[in-house]
């Protein structure tokens, strides 16, 4: 029997950056490198998207105007 399974990987990281936009880019670059280094993520596990957003000290997303 074939059964479709949706999955999510959730995480959080603190990085040193000049601003929130730069922090998002640093993490995006690290994730892109990881994905390219592990093709099974897309080939075998069907990963189709990855996203992230800078958050404040309360865990709330920063608005686009707060990023720079």
Protein backbone atom coordinates (compact mmCIF):
# COMPACT_ATOMS: atom_id res chain seq x y z
CA UNK A 1 0.00 0.00 0.00
CA UNK A 2 1.37 3.43 -0.95
CA UNK A 3 0.74 6.16 1.59
CA UNK A 4 1.79 9.78 1.19
CA UNK A 5 3.53 11.28 4.25
CA UNK A 6 3.91 15.05 4.67
CA UNK A 7 6.77 16.02 6.95
CA UNK A 8 8.21 19.21 8.41
CA UNK A 9 11.61 19.94 9.88
CA UNK A 10 11.51 22.85 12.32
CA UNK A 11 14.49 24.61 13.80
CA UNK A 12 15.92 27.83 15.15
CA UNK A 13 19.44 29.27 15.10
CA UNK A 14 21.10 32.46 16.29
CA UNK A 15 23.69 34.02 13.98
CA UNK A 16 25.87 37.12 14.16
CA UNK A 17 24.90 39.60 11.44
CA UNK A 18 24.65 43.33 10.80
CA UNK A 19 20.85 43.13 10.54
CA UNK A 20 17.97 40.66 10.34
CA UNK A 21 18.03 40.56 6.54
CA UNK A 22 21.70 39.56 6.58
CA UNK A 23 20.95 36.94 9.25
CA UNK A 24 18.24 35.42 7.06
CA UNK A 25 20.66 35.30 4.12
CA UNK A 26 23.39 33.63 6.18
CA UNK A 27 20.98 30.90 7.24
CA UNK A 28 19.57 30.55 3.71
CA UNK A 29 23.10 30.07 2.36
CA UNK A 30 23.88 27.41 4.99
CA UNK A 31 20.65 25.55 4.26
CA UNK A 32 21.20 25.73 0.49
CA UNK A 33 24.68 24.29 0.91
CA UNK A 34 23.31 21.49 3.09
CA UNK A 35 20.57 20.63 0.58
CA UNK A 36 23.04 20.57 -2.30
CA UNK A 37 25.36 18.33 -0.27
CA UNK A 38 22.54 15.88 0.55
CA UNK A 39 20.59 15.15 -2.64
CA UNK A 40 18.63 12.39 -0.88
CA UNK A 41 16.63 15.16 0.77
CA UNK A 42 15.04 16.05 -2.54
CA UNK A 43 15.49 12.78 -4.45
CA UNK A 44 14.42 10.27 -1.79
CA UNK A 45 12.51 12.33 0.76
CA UNK A 46 10.72 14.64 -1.68
CA UNK A 47 11.71 17.94 -0.10
CA UNK A 48 10.26 20.71 -2.27
CA UNK A 49 10.54 23.84 -0.14
CA UNK A 50 12.47 25.38 2.69
CA UNK A 51 11.84 28.74 4.28
CA UNK A 52 12.86 30.86 7.22
CA UNK A 53 12.17 34.22 8.78
CA UNK A 54 13.91 36.38 11.35
CA UNK A 55 12.07 36.60 14.68
CA UNK A 56 12.21 38.93 17.65
CA UNK A 57 13.10 38.00 21.24
CA UNK A 58 9.48 36.89 21.82
CA UNK A 59 9.50 34.54 18.83
CA UNK A 60 7.30 36.79 16.70
CA UNK A 61 8.22 37.25 13.02
CA UNK A 62 9.86 40.55 12.12
CA UNK A 63 8.03 42.62 9.55
CA UNK A 64 9.78 43.29 6.26
CA UNK A 65 10.38 46.92 7.36
CA UNK A 66 12.23 45.72 10.49
CA UNK A 67 14.71 43.58 8.59
CA UNK A 68 17.23 46.30 7.73
